[in-house]
Amino acid sequence: MALSGFRAFGSRAITQTITSAQYRHLHRFLSSAASTTTSGGSGVSVAVKKVTLSNFCSVLDDLRIRIREADFVAIDLEMTGVTSAPWRDSFEFDRSDVRYLKVKDSAEKFAVVQFGLCTFRWDACQGSFIAHPLNFYIFPRKVLSVEGPTDEFLCQTTSISFLAKYQFDFNACIHEGISYLSKTQEEEALQNLCSAYENALLGFSSESEEYVEIPAVRTADVFFTERMKIRFHEWRENVLKYPEDPILEGNDCGHNVDFQMVFFKMHPAIMLNGFTFHQLKLIQLVLRKYFKDLLYLCVSGENCSSQKLVVYTDSEEDRASLMSFIIGPLPSSMEEFALSVNKILPHIIDTKHLISSNNFIQYLMKKKKKSLSSAFSLLCPQLSSTSQNLASTRSFVKVDVQADELGSSSWNSGAKHEAGFDAFMTGCVFAQACSHLGIKFEQDSSIMDLARNDNLKSYINILYPSWNSGTVIDLRTGSESPVSSYKRKYLKIEYANIALIWGFSSKLKPNDIEECLCKVFGTASLISVFFLDRTAALIQFNKMELVNDFLVLKDMLEKDDGPVSVLHPLAKLLEGGNTRAADYDTYRDICSSSASTSKILFADQAEAIGIRWKTKIRPACKETSELDVLKDSVSEHQSNKNDSEKQSQHQFSFEEMLNSL
């Protein structure tokens, strides 16, 4: 199931993604001139290229060319799950930071098993788009012995069953899927690889704690390593000596073809040209051992090529900042994530947002389901149906699928919920939507620049954070705004007015909790009670002060063991002694808890991260309140209780207890 929905991406943006660390080692894809034009949909086959470990290294160069020539690129993902627990689903009560933390949790716990990509290029001679759909099978297999522990990920039974229902090839994924590493795993593997190579190079003995300098097996490696050490030392000294202009002042390295002086992110750097893969590994070994302030980076260059750089850094913070330029662990906030994505993918169109927010397209879809397959059938009937009798006054954008080596086993007939075919459908929906927005591809083909088209401006870089959030995110700023057409069940949510409770009896229902609270604070004081799961709920009051009043009252009742606490209306909620309560920020904190402590039930998750207190009270926001009366009555009762003589003689009547409340 595609977690991220269906989207179309500008070719410039997707180019930078495809040439990232996971895909930079791909090589040329040899294709023939043969092509075929087919249509896709129910009962109609589309040639989708299957990419696995066996043919992975023959794909990238051709793909880079296609991306560079494309007018836009569409992508889709298939994952092993969507949410790891019911309380991690996206709710209307989720604030934007909480919603991001939940999606982040899913992205970190579940694995991508298919990556679908389809390039679209307008052919003016044919008057149609030429599409090339690819379906990459991906599996985080351990390939090198130096990689460290094997990777782990979650599988959600409903998602796996869903994939099986649509004939997902699990054998191809597990046995032939393309392996990959995260940035952190790659860094660790490189360190281990360099250490292992260094040990072999220097004749390290496991029985000795010191290095033994003995002749290496490959004398050429020894000379190369020493030469690189000298050259990097000279260049580094030159950078320190001439910080304002290290290129012009006494730098003989800048004139060498293989050592080209450049600047990277305002830092002095060396571009490494003409080195073999083996030599680059030796260079990394030298940098790690002798130069703590020199950083090796592989970045995307012009024409989708990868560039190897050695960059000078003057502090640990500087080094960390440069490393963050290469997308690794997900950022901790939605704002950081949006800005990071926008740097790498500067032009994104979320086609779900596109078709949902345009009135004319909604009219064409007759306000039916907004799934990808539904949109494809309604907006692209000429592609989704085998029927040639499409009696309609509308004009349709023509899309031809060009496939190479059709006789090869690498090609298969695409089907919905296969990432490659879903990417194809996404691009077709986007092309047709552009036509309905007034974009005439026949007229604009010579200057096709969708990223700067006036008709698309209001839709670019606007993204749905989740399917039921009722909001959109502007990736340029990280800000969130409501969607006017979204019909909310809860009209107004004030997060400062929300209290979180968990650990209460599983017998309690929302109506039971509502009844308890209304007896204490009044019917008008309570807006709603929303269950996260059977162990936790969010309570929205009509005033912020009532959140603190509720927390203080709960804390006082739990500290009192007299009849007041037993007969109080909240006693039903506190029954069992395990009920916890806090404000909305605690809900956020629990949602951000580490994946290593993931639990199915919210109450178990809170306990797993070490929460032992029963009530977390906000700083006092009122000097006096109705609770003062209760506090005085409880204190008076406690005083009487301590007097053994009076206690034995005095019996509380029911009326007196009610008065004390």
Foldseek 3Di string as FASTA:
>chain_A
DWQAAWWKFALQQVLQVCCAPFNVQAAAADFDPDWFFWFDAVPTFFKAFEDWQVCRNHHPVVVLVLSVQFRIKIKTWQKQDHFDFLLLDDDLQDDQFLLLLSRLLQVVAIDTQKMKMKGWHQDLVVQATEIHIYIAGADAADDDPQLPDGDHHDGDVVSVVVCVVVPNDVCCNPVTHRHGDFPVSVVSSLVSVLVVVVCLQQVPDPVDPDGHRDHGPDNVLVVLLVVLLVLVVVLVVLCVVCVPCSLPPPRPQCPDPQWNWDADPNFTKTWGPDDDPVSVSSSVSSCVPPPPQWDWDWGADPSSHIIIMITGHDDPVRVVVVVVLRPGRQDSGLQVNLQSSCVSRVWIFNVLCLQVQDPVSCVQLVVDDSHLSSLLCRLPVVRHDPDPPPPDPDDAHHYTYTDGPVVDPSIDTDDPPRGRVSSVSSVRSVVSSVVVLPDDCNVCVVPSNVRPDPSCVVRIQWGDSRDQNQWIARSNRSDIDGNPPHDDPQDDHDQLQKKKKFDFDLVDDQVLVLVLVCVPPNNQQWDGWADSDSTMIMTGTPDNLVLQVVLVVVVVLLVDPDVLSVPRSCVNRCPPPGMAMEGVVVVSVLSNDDSVQDDRDSSSSCVSVPDDDRGDHDPDPDPDDPVVLLVVLSVVVVVQVVPVVSVVVDDDDPVNSVVSD
